[in-house]
């Protein structure tokens, strides 16, 4: 898993964390606080935790 911190955002890549969206699993994520975003999918975010 590769993690980079830049401008209060955490960029992750690798096979440790993934989000399944439209039958594809995306492993390149941007995490801000408790929300995760997929850079190539605009307009959607996913909540992390409870």
PDB file of N, CA and C in Angstrom:
ATOM      1  N   UNK A   1       0.848  -1.173   0.000  1.00  0.00           N
ATOM      2  CA  UNK A   1       0.000   0.000   0.000  1.00  0.00           C
ATOM      3  C   UNK A   1       0.891   1.232   0.000  1.00  0.00           C
ATOM      4  N   UNK A   2       0.587   2.158  -0.864  1.00  0.00           N
ATOM      5  CA  UNK A   2       1.352   3.397  -0.978  1.00  0.00           C
ATOM      6  C   UNK A   2       0.479   4.550  -0.504  1.00  0.00           C
ATOM      7  N   UNK A   3       1.010   5.377   0.392  1.00  0.00           N
ATOM      8  CA  UNK A   3       0.264   6.496   0.967  1.00  0.00           C
ATOM      9  C   UNK A   3       1.078   7.778   0.789  1.00  0.00           C
ATOM     10  N   UNK A   4       0.418   8.835   0.303  1.00  0.00           N
ATOM     11  CA  UNK A   4       1.054  10.145   0.132  1.00  0.00           C
ATOM     12  C   UNK A   4       0.134  11.194   0.751  1.00  0.00           C
ATOM     13  N   UNK A   5       0.705  12.085   1.575  1.00  0.00           N
ATOM     14  CA  UNK A   5      -0.056  13.183   2.163  1.00  0.00           C
ATOM     15  C   UNK A   5       0.275  14.458   1.414  1.00  0.00           C
ATOM     16  N   UNK A   6      -0.795  15.154   0.949  1.00  0.00           N
ATOM     17  CA  UNK A   6      -0.585  16.388   0.191  1.00  0.00           C
ATOM     18  C   UNK A   6      -1.798  17.290   0.402  1.00  0.00           C
ATOM     19  N   UNK A   7      -1.600  18.495   0.907  1.00  0.00           N
ATOM     20  CA  UNK A   7      -2.653  19.508   1.079  1.00  0.00           C
ATOM     21  C   UNK A   7      -3.857  18.968   1.845  1.00  0.00           C
ATOM     22  N   UNK A   8      -3.628  18.411   3.035  1.00  0.00           N
ATOM     23  CA  UNK A   8      -4.671  17.867   3.913  1.00  0.00           C
ATOM     24  C   UNK A   8      -5.464  16.722   3.286  1.00  0.00           C
ATOM     25  N   UNK A   9      -4.915  16.073   2.294  1.00  0.00           N
ATOM     26  CA  UNK A   9      -5.546  14.912   1.667  1.00  0.00           C
ATOM     27  C   UNK A   9      -4.585  13.739   1.720  1.00  0.00           C
ATOM     28  N   UNK A  10      -5.132  12.538   1.858  1.00  0.00           N
ATOM     29  CA  UNK A  10      -4.324  11.337   1.863  1.00  0.00           C
ATOM     30  C   UNK A  10      -4.626  10.564   0.584  1.00  0.00           C
ATOM     31  N   UNK A  11      -3.615  10.351  -0.225  1.00  0.00           N
ATOM     32  CA  UNK A  11      -3.758   9.621  -1.474  1.00  0.00           C
ATOM     33  C   UNK A  11      -3.262   8.198  -1.243  1.00  0.00           C
ATOM     34  N   UNK A  12      -4.097   7.196  -1.522  1.00  0.00           N
ATOM     35  CA  UNK A  12      -3.702   5.809  -1.328  1.00  0.00           C
ATOM     36  C   UNK A  12      -3.753   5.069  -2.650  1.00  0.00           C
ATOM     37  N   UNK A  13      -2.894   4.075  -2.781  1.00  0.00           N
ATOM     38  CA  UNK A  13      -2.923   3.167  -3.925  1.00  0.00           C
ATOM     39  C   UNK A  13      -2.366   1.828  -3.455  1.00  0.00           C
ATOM     40  N   UNK A  14      -2.678   0.800  -4.172  1.00  0.00           N
ATOM     41  CA  UNK A  14      -2.287  -0.546  -3.781  1.00  0.00           C
ATOM     42  C   UNK A  14      -3.521  -1.390  -3.564  1.00  0.00           C
ATOM     43  N   UNK A  15      -3.333  -2.629  -3.198  1.00  0.00           N
ATOM     44  CA  UNK A  15      -4.460  -3.556  -3.093  1.00  0.00           C
ATOM     45  C   UNK A  15      -5.014  -3.710  -1.681  1.00  0.00           C
ATOM     46  N   UNK A  16      -4.574  -2.902  -0.720  1.00  0.00           N
ATOM     47  CA  UNK A  16      -5.039  -3.052   0.658  1.00  0.00           C
ATOM     48  C   UNK A  16      -6.448  -2.491   0.866  1.00  0.00           C
ATOM     49  N   UNK A  17      -6.775  -1.362   0.227  1.00  0.00           N
ATOM     50  CA  UNK A  17      -8.081  -0.721   0.384  1.00  0.00           C
ATOM     51  C   UNK A  17      -8.667  -0.509  -1.007  1.00  0.00           C
ATOM     52  N   UNK A  18      -9.936  -0.866  -1.179  1.00  0.00           N
ATOM     53  CA  UNK A  18     -10.587  -0.662  -2.468  1.00  0.00           C
ATOM     54  C   UNK A  18     -12.062  -0.401  -2.299  1.00  0.00           C
ATOM     55  N   UNK A  19     -12.657   0.282  -3.264  1.00  0.00           N
ATOM     56  CA  UNK A  19     -14.094   0.547  -3.286  1.00  0.00           C
ATOM     57  C   UNK A  19     -14.650  -0.043  -4.566  1.00  0.00           C
ATOM     58  N   UNK A  20     -15.703  -0.842  -4.431  1.00  0.00           N
ATOM     59  CA  UNK A  20     -16.339  -1.435  -5.597  1.00  0.00           C
ATOM     60  C   UNK A  20     -17.437  -0.494  -6.082  1.00  0.00           C
ATOM     61  N   UNK A  21     -17.355  -0.085  -7.341  1.00  0.00           N
ATOM     62  CA  UNK A  21     -18.305   0.848  -7.935  1.00  0.00           C
ATOM     63  C   UNK A  21     -18.515   0.446  -9.388  1.00  0.00           C
ATOM     64  N   UNK A  22     -19.758   0.222  -9.779  1.00  0.00           N
ATOM     65  CA  UNK A  22     -20.104  -0.191 -11.149  1.00  0.00           C
ATOM     66  C   UNK A  22     -19.300  -1.407 -11.610  1.00  0.00           C
ATOM     67  N   UNK A  23     -19.287  -2.428 -10.774  1.00  0.00           N
ATOM     68  CA  UNK A  23     -18.637  -3.721 -11.062  1.00  0.00           C
ATOM     69  C   UNK A  23     -17.124  -3.659 -11.207  1.00  0.00           C
ATOM     70  N   UNK A  24     -16.509  -2.540 -10.853  1.00  0.00           N
ATOM     71  CA  UNK A  24     -15.062  -2.422 -10.868  1.00  0.00           C
ATOM     72  C   UNK A  24     -14.583  -2.089  -9.466  1.00  0.00           C
ATOM     73  N   UNK A  25     -13.388  -2.530  -9.128  1.00  0.00           N
ATOM     74  CA  UNK A  25     -12.797  -2.215  -7.834  1.00  0.00           C
ATOM     75  C   UNK A  25     -11.700  -1.172  -8.064  1.00  0.00           C
ATOM     76  N   UNK A  26     -11.868  -0.032  -7.414  1.00  0.00           N
ATOM     77  CA  UNK A  26     -10.915   1.066  -7.530  1.00  0.00           C
ATOM     78  C   UNK A  26     -10.020   1.078  -6.298  1.00  0.00           C
ATOM     79  N   UNK A  27      -8.730   1.100  -6.490  1.00  0.00           N
ATOM     80  CA  UNK A  27      -7.790   1.112  -5.372  1.00  0.00           C
ATOM     81  C   UNK A  27      -7.061   2.435  -5.231  1.00  0.00           C
ATOM     82  N   UNK A  28      -7.184   3.326  -6.205  1.00  0.00           N
ATOM     83  CA  UNK A  28      -6.600   4.671  -6.088  1.00  0.00           C
ATOM     84  C   UNK A  28      -7.653   5.570  -5.453  1.00  0.00           C
ATOM     85  N   UNK A  29      -7.437   5.970  -4.220  1.00  0.00           N
ATOM     86  CA  UNK A  29      -8.434   6.733  -3.465  1.00  0.00           C
ATOM     87  C   UNK A  29      -7.821   8.008  -2.919  1.00  0.00           C
ATOM     88  N   UNK A  30      -8.687   8.996  -2.675  1.00  0.00           N
ATOM     89  CA  UNK A  30      -8.337  10.220  -1.958  1.00  0.00           C
ATOM     90  C   UNK A  30      -9.178  10.217  -0.694  1.00  0.00           C
ATOM     91  N   UNK A  31      -8.524  10.286   0.462  1.00  0.00           N
ATOM     92  CA  UNK A  31      -9.235  10.248   1.738  1.00  0.00           C
ATOM     93  C   UNK A  31      -9.075  11.600   2.414  1.00  0.00           C
ATOM     94  N   UNK A  32     -10.214  12.233   2.729  1.00  0.00           N
ATOM     95  CA  UNK A  32     -10.247  13.515   3.419  1.00  0.00           C
ATOM     96  C   UNK A  32     -11.150  13.328   4.636  1.00  0.00           C
ATOM     97  N   UNK A  33     -10.563  13.373   5.826  1.00  0.00           N
ATOM     98  CA  UNK A  33     -11.356  13.162   7.037  1.00  0.00           C
ATOM     99  C   UNK A  33     -11.930  11.753   7.065  1.00  0.00           C
ATOM    100  N   UNK A  34     -13.266  11.639   7.054  1.00  0.00           N
ATOM    101  CA  UNK A  34     -13.923  10.333   7.062  1.00  0.00           C
ATOM    102  C   UNK A  34     -14.581  10.018   5.721  1.00  0.00           C
ATOM    103  N   UNK A  35     -14.214  10.721   4.663  1.00  0.00           N
ATOM    104  CA  UNK A  35     -14.785  10.488   3.338  1.00  0.00           C
ATOM    105  C   UNK A  35     -13.703  10.006   2.379  1.00  0.00           C
ATOM    106  N   UNK A  36     -14.089   9.113   1.478  1.00  0.00           N
ATOM    107  CA  UNK A  36     -13.176   8.616   0.453  1.00  0.00           C
ATOM    108  C   UNK A  36     -13.730   8.972  -0.917  1.00  0.00           C
ATOM    109  N   UNK A  37     -12.858   9.377  -1.803  1.00  0.00           N
ATOM    110  CA  UNK A  37     -13.211   9.757  -3.160  1.00  0.00           C
ATOM    111  C   UNK A  37     -12.393   8.937  -4.141  1.00  0.00           C
ATOM    112  N   UNK A  38     -12.980   8.612  -5.288  1.00  0.00           N
ATOM    113  CA  UNK A  38     -12.251   7.995  -6.385  1.00  0.00           C
ATOM    114  C   UNK A  38     -11.956   9.110  -7.386  1.00  0.00           C
ATOM    115  N   UNK A  39     -10.698   9.345  -7.718  1.00  0.00           N
ATOM    116  CA  UNK A  39     -10.369  10.474  -8.603  1.00  0.00           C
ATOM    117  C   UNK A  39     -11.055  10.415  -9.972  1.00  0.00           C
ATOM    118  N   UNK A  40     -11.255   9.231 -10.531  1.00  0.00           N
ATOM    119  CA  UNK A  40     -11.838   9.137 -11.866  1.00  0.00           C
ATOM    120  C   UNK A  40     -13.361   9.147 -11.865  1.00  0.00           C
ATOM    121  N   UNK A  41     -14.005   9.106 -10.681  1.00  0.00           N
ATOM    122  CA  UNK A  41     -15.470   9.133 -10.577  1.00  0.00           C
ATOM    123  C   UNK A  41     -15.860  10.449  -9.919  1.00  0.00           C
ATOM    124  N   UNK A  42     -16.533  11.303 -10.649  1.00  0.00           N
ATOM    125  CA  UNK A  42     -16.888  12.627 -10.144  1.00  0.00           C
ATOM    126  C   UNK A  42     -18.265  12.603  -9.485  1.00  0.00           C
ATOM    127  N   UNK A  43     -18.406  13.342  -8.390  1.00  0.00           N
ATOM    128  CA  UNK A  43     -19.704  13.531  -7.774  1.00  0.00           C
ATOM    129  C   UNK A  43     -20.102  12.510  -6.718  1.00  0.00           C
ATOM    130  N   UNK A  44     -19.239  11.538  -6.409  1.00  0.00           N
ATOM    131  CA  UNK A  44     -19.574  10.535  -5.408  1.00  0.00           C
ATOM    132  C   UNK A  44     -18.496  10.503  -4.339  1.00  0.00           C
ATOM    133  N   UNK A  45     -18.943  10.258  -3.096  1.00  0.00           N
ATOM    134  CA  UNK A  45     -18.001  10.036  -2.000  1.00  0.00           C
ATOM    135  C   UNK A  45     -18.568   8.943  -1.105  1.00  0.00           C
ATOM    136  N   UNK A  46     -17.695   8.283  -0.376  1.00  0.00           N
ATOM    137  CA  UNK A  46     -18.093   7.193   0.500  1.00  0.00           C
ATOM    138  C   UNK A  46     -17.616   7.503   1.907  1.00  0.00           C
ATOM    139  N   UNK A  47     -18.459   7.202   2.890  1.00  0.00           N
ATOM    140  CA  UNK A  47     -18.124   7.451   4.284  1.00  0.00           C
ATOM    141  C   UNK A  47     -17.312   6.286   4.826  1.00  0.00           C
ATOM    142  N   UNK A  48     -16.277   6.607   5.583  1.00  0.00           N
ATOM    143  CA  UNK A  48     -15.439   5.599   6.221  1.00  0.00           C
ATOM    144  C   UNK A  48     -15.791   5.589   7.701  1.00  0.00           C
ATOM    145  N   UNK A  49     -16.001   4.448   8.274  1.00  0.00           N
ATOM    146  CA  UNK A  49     -16.348   4.321   9.682  1.00  0.00           C
ATOM    147  C   UNK A  49     -17.849   4.392   9.877  1.00  0.00           C
ATOM    148  N   UNK A  50     -18.245   4.731  11.079  1.00  0.00           N
ATOM    149  CA  UNK A  50     -19.657   4.756  11.433  1.00  0.00           C
ATOM    150  C   UNK A  50     -20.226   6.146  11.389  1.00  0.00           C
TER     151      UNK A  50
END
